[in-house]
Amino acid sequence: MRVVTLKISSREETNRRFLKAFAGEPQGTFISFESPELLFKIIAGKRWELLKLMTGAGPMSIREAARRLGRDVKAVHGDVKALLNTGILQKTDNGLIEFPFDAVHVDFTLKAA
């Protein structure tokens, strides 16, 4: 099962993880965000529904994703574009969209100000 972790991490933490991976230490698969606000901005309501739909579903067209969600194709296209730009979704060689993971783990800690 391929699992991706959505994580809040500083540039330094991300660099440390990269260096460990470069040295041969397995790190897992991460998509990192600099702040909870950025995470929630990028993966808000309808985009989270899209991500849930695509988790483990394999490649599909934007039109098919919109059909399964019961949403307008143009609105789903905008969400797909945002998720492609952040590297969360990927485009296949034949132009379909894909979230190539079977599960998503979200990891962050909210601290007192």
N, C-alpha and C. Protein backbone atom coordinates (compact mmCIF):
# COMPACT_ATOMS: atom_id res chain seq x y z
N MET A 1 0.85 -1.18 0.00
CA MET A 1 0.00 0.00 0.00
C MET A 1 0.90 1.24 0.00
N ARG A 2 0.63 2.14 -0.93
CA ARG A 2 1.40 3.40 -1.00
C ARG A 2 0.68 4.46 -0.18
N VAL A 3 1.40 4.98 0.82
CA VAL A 3 0.85 6.00 1.71
C VAL A 3 1.66 7.27 1.55
N VAL A 4 0.98 8.40 1.47
CA VAL A 4 1.64 9.70 1.44
C VAL A 4 1.28 10.43 2.73
N THR A 5 2.24 11.15 3.27
CA THR A 5 2.00 11.95 4.46
C THR A 5 2.01 13.42 4.08
N LEU A 6 0.90 14.11 4.38
CA LEU A 6 0.83 15.56 4.24
C LEU A 6 1.32 16.13 5.55
N LYS A 7 2.37 16.93 5.51
CA LYS A 7 3.05 17.34 6.73
C LYS A 7 3.36 18.83 6.72
N ILE A 8 3.25 19.43 7.89
CA ILE A 8 3.71 20.80 8.07
C ILE A 8 5.16 20.70 8.51
N SER A 9 6.05 21.30 7.73
CA SER A 9 7.47 21.24 8.12
C SER A 9 8.20 22.47 7.60
N SER A 10 9.18 22.86 8.38
CA SER A 10 10.01 24.01 8.00
C SER A 10 10.93 23.61 6.84
N ARG A 11 11.49 24.59 6.21
CA ARG A 11 12.46 24.35 5.13
C ARG A 11 13.62 23.52 5.67
N GLU A 12 14.07 23.82 6.89
CA GLU A 12 15.19 23.09 7.49
C GLU A 12 14.85 21.61 7.69
N GLU A 13 13.65 21.35 8.20
CA GLU A 13 13.23 19.95 8.40
C GLU A 13 13.14 19.21 7.08
N THR A 14 12.59 19.86 6.08
CA THR A 14 12.49 19.26 4.76
C THR A 14 13.88 18.97 4.19
N ASN A 15 14.80 19.90 4.36
CA ASN A 15 16.18 19.70 3.89
C ASN A 15 16.86 18.54 4.62
N ARG A 16 16.63 18.43 5.94
CA ARG A 16 17.21 17.31 6.71
C ARG A 16 16.68 15.97 6.18
N ARG A 17 15.37 15.91 5.93
CA ARG A 17 14.78 14.68 5.41
C ARG A 17 15.36 14.35 4.03
N PHE A 18 15.55 15.38 3.21
CA PHE A 18 16.14 15.18 1.88
C PHE A 18 17.56 14.62 2.00
N LEU A 19 18.37 15.21 2.88
CA LEU A 19 19.74 14.75 3.03
C LEU A 19 19.81 13.31 3.54
N LYS A 20 18.92 12.95 4.46
CA LYS A 20 18.87 11.57 4.95
C LYS A 20 18.48 10.61 3.82
N ALA A 21 17.51 11.02 3.01
CA ALA A 21 17.09 10.19 1.88
C ALA A 21 18.24 10.05 0.88
N PHE A 22 18.96 11.15 0.63
CA PHE A 22 20.10 11.14 -0.29
C PHE A 22 21.20 10.21 0.22
N ALA A 23 21.31 10.08 1.56
CA ALA A 23 22.30 9.20 2.17
C ALA A 23 21.82 7.75 2.21
N GLY A 24 20.62 7.49 1.71
CA GLY A 24 20.13 6.12 1.64
C GLY A 24 19.16 5.71 2.74
N GLU A 25 18.81 6.62 3.63
CA GLU A 25 17.85 6.31 4.69
C GLU A 25 16.43 6.50 4.18
N PRO A 26 15.63 5.44 4.17
CA PRO A 26 14.25 5.60 3.71
C PRO A 26 13.49 6.62 4.56
N GLN A 27 12.75 7.50 3.91
CA GLN A 27 12.04 8.56 4.62
C GLN A 27 10.53 8.46 4.45
N GLY A 28 10.06 7.62 3.56
CA GLY A 28 8.64 7.58 3.26
C GLY A 28 8.33 8.64 2.20
N THR A 29 7.05 8.80 1.92
CA THR A 29 6.62 9.76 0.91
C THR A 29 5.90 10.90 1.59
N PHE A 30 6.39 12.12 1.38
CA PHE A 30 5.84 13.30 2.03
C PHE A 30 5.48 14.36 1.00
N ILE A 31 4.43 15.10 1.29
CA ILE A 31 4.15 16.35 0.62
C ILE A 31 4.11 17.37 1.75
N SER A 32 5.06 18.29 1.75
CA SER A 32 5.23 19.21 2.87
C SER A 32 4.67 20.59 2.58
N PHE A 33 4.16 21.20 3.63
CA PHE A 33 3.62 22.56 3.59
C PHE A 33 4.31 23.36 4.68
N GLU A 34 4.51 24.65 4.44
CA GLU A 34 5.20 25.49 5.42
C GLU A 34 4.33 25.90 6.59
N SER A 35 3.00 25.84 6.43
CA SER A 35 2.11 26.24 7.52
C SER A 35 0.77 25.51 7.39
N PRO A 36 0.06 25.38 8.52
CA PRO A 36 -1.29 24.79 8.43
C PRO A 36 -2.20 25.62 7.53
N GLU A 37 -2.03 26.94 7.55
CA GLU A 37 -2.85 27.80 6.71
C GLU A 37 -2.67 27.47 5.23
N LEU A 38 -1.44 27.22 4.82
CA LEU A 38 -1.18 26.88 3.42
C LEU A 38 -1.79 25.52 3.08
N LEU A 39 -1.64 24.56 3.97
CA LEU A 39 -2.25 23.24 3.76
C LEU A 39 -3.75 23.37 3.58
N PHE A 40 -4.40 24.12 4.50
CA PHE A 40 -5.85 24.25 4.44
C PHE A 40 -6.31 25.09 3.25
N LYS A 41 -5.47 26.01 2.81
CA LYS A 41 -5.81 26.82 1.63
C LYS A 41 -5.81 25.95 0.37
N ILE A 42 -4.81 25.09 0.27
CA ILE A 42 -4.66 24.26 -0.93
C ILE A 42 -5.61 23.08 -0.92
N ILE A 43 -5.81 22.47 0.23
CA ILE A 43 -6.68 21.30 0.32
C ILE A 43 -7.89 21.65 1.18
N ALA A 44 -8.74 22.50 0.63
CA ALA A 44 -9.96 22.91 1.33
C ALA A 44 -11.13 22.11 0.79
N GLY A 45 -12.24 22.12 1.49
CA GLY A 45 -13.49 21.45 1.21
C GLY A 45 -13.59 20.59 -0.03
N LYS A 46 -13.88 21.19 -1.15
CA LYS A 46 -14.12 20.45 -2.39
C LYS A 46 -12.86 19.76 -2.90
N ARG A 47 -11.70 20.36 -2.66
CA ARG A 47 -10.45 19.73 -3.09
C ARG A 47 -10.17 18.49 -2.25
N TRP A 48 -10.53 18.53 -0.96
CA TRP A 48 -10.36 17.36 -0.10
C TRP A 48 -11.27 16.23 -0.59
N GLU A 49 -12.50 16.57 -1.00
CA GLU A 49 -13.41 15.56 -1.55
C GLU A 49 -12.83 14.94 -2.82
N LEU A 50 -12.22 15.77 -3.66
CA LEU A 50 -11.58 15.28 -4.88
C LEU A 50 -10.43 14.34 -4.53
N LEU A 51 -9.63 14.72 -3.56
CA LEU A 51 -8.50 13.89 -3.13
C LEU A 51 -9.00 12.55 -2.58
N LYS A 52 -10.05 12.59 -1.78
CA LYS A 52 -10.63 11.35 -1.25
C LYS A 52 -11.11 10.44 -2.38
N LEU A 53 -11.78 11.04 -3.37
CA LEU A 53 -12.27 10.28 -4.51
C LEU A 53 -11.12 9.61 -5.25
N MET A 54 -10.02 10.33 -5.43
CA MET A 54 -8.92 9.84 -6.26
C MET A 54 -7.96 8.91 -5.52
N THR A 55 -8.03 8.86 -4.20
CA THR A 55 -7.14 8.00 -3.43
C THR A 55 -7.42 6.54 -3.77
N GLY A 56 -6.43 5.89 -4.38
CA GLY A 56 -6.54 4.49 -4.75
C GLY A 56 -7.39 4.22 -5.97
N ALA A 57 -7.91 5.25 -6.63
CA ALA A 57 -8.84 5.06 -7.75
C ALA A 57 -8.15 4.89 -9.11
N GLY A 58 -6.87 5.20 -9.19
CA GLY A 58 -6.18 5.12 -10.47
C GLY A 58 -6.44 6.35 -11.33
N PRO A 59 -5.82 6.40 -12.51
CA PRO A 59 -5.96 7.56 -13.40
C PRO A 59 -7.39 7.71 -13.89
N MET A 60 -7.81 8.96 -14.06
CA MET A 60 -9.13 9.25 -14.62
C MET A 60 -9.11 10.62 -15.27
N SER A 61 -10.12 10.88 -16.07
CA SER A 61 -10.24 12.19 -16.70
C SER A 61 -10.88 13.17 -15.71
N ILE A 62 -10.70 14.43 -15.97
CA ILE A 62 -11.34 15.46 -15.14
C ILE A 62 -12.86 15.32 -15.25
N ARG A 63 -13.34 15.04 -16.43
CA ARG A 63 -14.78 14.86 -16.64
C ARG A 63 -15.31 13.70 -15.79
N GLU A 64 -14.57 12.60 -15.72
CA GLU A 64 -14.99 11.45 -14.91
C GLU A 64 -14.98 11.80 -13.43
N ALA A 65 -13.96 12.52 -12.98
CA ALA A 65 -13.91 12.95 -11.58
C ALA A 65 -15.11 13.83 -11.26
N ALA A 66 -15.43 14.76 -12.15
CA ALA A 66 -16.57 15.65 -11.94
C ALA A 66 -17.87 14.84 -11.88
N ARG A 67 -18.00 13.86 -12.76
CA ARG A 67 -19.20 13.03 -12.77
C ARG A 67 -19.36 12.28 -11.45
N ARG A 68 -18.27 11.68 -10.98
CA ARG A 68 -18.32 10.92 -9.72
C ARG A 68 -18.62 11.82 -8.52
N LEU A 69 -18.15 13.05 -8.58
CA LEU A 69 -18.39 13.99 -7.49
C LEU A 69 -19.74 14.69 -7.59
N GLY A 70 -20.36 14.62 -8.77
CA GLY A 70 -21.60 15.34 -9.00
C GLY A 70 -21.38 16.84 -9.04
N ARG A 71 -20.25 17.25 -9.62
CA ARG A 71 -19.89 18.66 -9.69
C ARG A 71 -19.70 19.10 -11.13
N ASP A 72 -19.66 20.39 -11.33
CA ASP A 72 -19.42 21.01 -12.62
C ASP A 72 -17.98 20.74 -13.07
N VAL A 73 -17.81 20.38 -14.34
CA VAL A 73 -16.48 20.07 -14.88
C VAL A 73 -15.53 21.25 -14.74
N LYS A 74 -16.02 22.45 -15.01
CA LYS A 74 -15.16 23.64 -14.94
C LYS A 74 -14.65 23.86 -13.51
N ALA A 75 -15.49 23.66 -12.52
CA ALA A 75 -15.08 23.84 -11.12
C ALA A 75 -14.05 22.78 -10.73
N VAL A 76 -14.28 21.54 -11.15
CA VAL A 76 -13.32 20.47 -10.85
C VAL A 76 -12.01 20.74 -11.56
N HIS A 77 -12.07 21.25 -12.78
CA HIS A 77 -10.85 21.58 -13.53
C HIS A 77 -10.01 22.59 -12.74
N GLY A 78 -10.64 23.60 -12.17
CA GLY A 78 -9.91 24.59 -11.36
C GLY A 78 -9.24 23.94 -10.15
N ASP A 79 -9.94 23.03 -9.48
CA ASP A 79 -9.36 22.34 -8.33
C ASP A 79 -8.21 21.43 -8.76
N VAL A 80 -8.39 20.73 -9.87
CA VAL A 80 -7.33 19.86 -10.39
C VAL A 80 -6.09 20.68 -10.72
N LYS A 81 -6.29 21.82 -11.36
CA LYS A 81 -5.15 22.68 -11.72
C LYS A 81 -4.38 23.10 -10.48
N ALA A 82 -5.09 23.50 -9.42
CA ALA A 82 -4.42 23.90 -8.18
C ALA A 82 -3.65 22.74 -7.57
N LEU A 83 -4.23 21.54 -7.58
CA LEU A 83 -3.56 20.37 -6.99
C LEU A 83 -2.41 19.89 -7.86
N LEU A 84 -2.50 20.07 -9.18
CA LEU A 84 -1.37 19.75 -10.06
C LEU A 84 -0.22 20.72 -9.81
N ASN A 85 -0.53 22.01 -9.66
CA ASN A 85 0.50 23.03 -9.45
C ASN A 85 1.27 22.81 -8.16
N THR A 86 0.64 22.23 -7.15
CA THR A 86 1.34 21.98 -5.89
C THR A 86 1.98 20.60 -5.84
N GLY A 87 1.80 19.80 -6.90
CA GLY A 87 2.42 18.48 -6.94
C GLY A 87 1.64 17.39 -6.24
N ILE A 88 0.42 17.69 -5.82
CA ILE A 88 -0.37 16.67 -5.13
C ILE A 88 -0.95 15.69 -6.13
N LEU A 89 -1.54 16.19 -7.21
CA LEU A 89 -1.99 15.33 -8.29
C LEU A 89 -0.92 15.29 -9.37
N GLN A 90 -0.97 14.24 -10.16
CA GLN A 90 -0.03 14.09 -11.26
C GLN A 90 -0.82 13.86 -12.54
N LYS A 91 -0.21 14.19 -13.66
CA LYS A 91 -0.81 13.94 -14.96
C LYS A 91 -0.08 12.75 -15.59
N THR A 92 -0.84 11.81 -16.12
CA THR A 92 -0.23 10.65 -16.77
C THR A 92 0.21 11.03 -18.18
N ASP A 93 0.96 10.14 -18.81
CA ASP A 93 1.43 10.39 -20.17
C ASP A 93 0.29 10.57 -21.16
N ASN A 94 -0.86 9.94 -20.90
CA ASN A 94 -1.99 10.08 -21.82
C ASN A 94 -2.98 11.15 -21.37
N GLY A 95 -2.56 12.05 -20.45
CA GLY A 95 -3.35 13.22 -20.11
C GLY A 95 -4.39 13.04 -19.01
N LEU A 96 -4.43 11.88 -18.40
CA LEU A 96 -5.36 11.67 -17.29
C LEU A 96 -4.75 12.22 -16.01
N ILE A 97 -5.57 12.42 -14.99
CA ILE A 97 -5.07 12.89 -13.70
C ILE A 97 -5.01 11.69 -12.75
N GLU A 98 -4.07 11.77 -11.80
CA GLU A 98 -3.87 10.64 -10.89
C GLU A 98 -3.36 11.12 -9.54
N PHE A 99 -3.84 10.49 -8.50
CA PHE A 99 -3.27 10.61 -7.16
C PHE A 99 -2.78 9.21 -6.85
N PRO A 100 -1.46 8.95 -7.02
CA PRO A 100 -0.95 7.58 -7.03
C PRO A 100 -0.73 6.95 -5.65
N PHE A 101 -1.64 7.21 -4.73
CA PHE A 101 -1.51 6.68 -3.39
C PHE A 101 -2.79 5.97 -2.97
N ASP A 102 -2.65 5.01 -2.07
CA ASP A 102 -3.79 4.25 -1.57
C ASP A 102 -4.32 4.82 -0.26
N ALA A 103 -3.51 5.66 0.38
CA ALA A 103 -3.91 6.24 1.66
C ALA A 103 -3.18 7.56 1.88
N VAL A 104 -3.83 8.43 2.68
CA VAL A 104 -3.25 9.73 3.03
C VAL A 104 -3.20 9.82 4.55
N HIS A 105 -2.03 10.22 5.04
CA HIS A 105 -1.87 10.49 6.47
C HIS A 105 -1.55 11.98 6.61
N VAL A 106 -2.29 12.69 7.45
CA VAL A 106 -2.03 14.11 7.68
C VAL A 106 -1.38 14.24 9.04
N ASP A 107 -0.23 14.94 9.09
CA ASP A 107 0.56 15.01 10.32
C ASP A 107 0.99 16.44 10.61
N PHE A 108 0.42 17.03 11.67
CA PHE A 108 0.91 18.31 12.16
C PHE A 108 0.46 18.50 13.59
N THR A 109 1.17 19.36 14.28
CA THR A 109 0.87 19.66 15.68
C THR A 109 0.55 21.14 15.80
N LEU A 110 -0.54 21.45 16.47
CA LEU A 110 -0.92 22.83 16.73
C LEU A 110 -0.38 23.20 18.11
N LYS A 111 0.47 24.21 18.19
CA LYS A 111 1.08 24.63 19.45
C LYS A 111 0.49 25.96 19.92
N ALA A 112 0.60 26.20 21.20
CA ALA A 112 0.18 27.48 21.76
C ALA A 112 1.02 28.61 21.18
N ALA A 113 0.41 29.76 21.00
CA ALA A 113 1.12 30.90 20.39
C ALA A 113 2.18 31.47 21.27
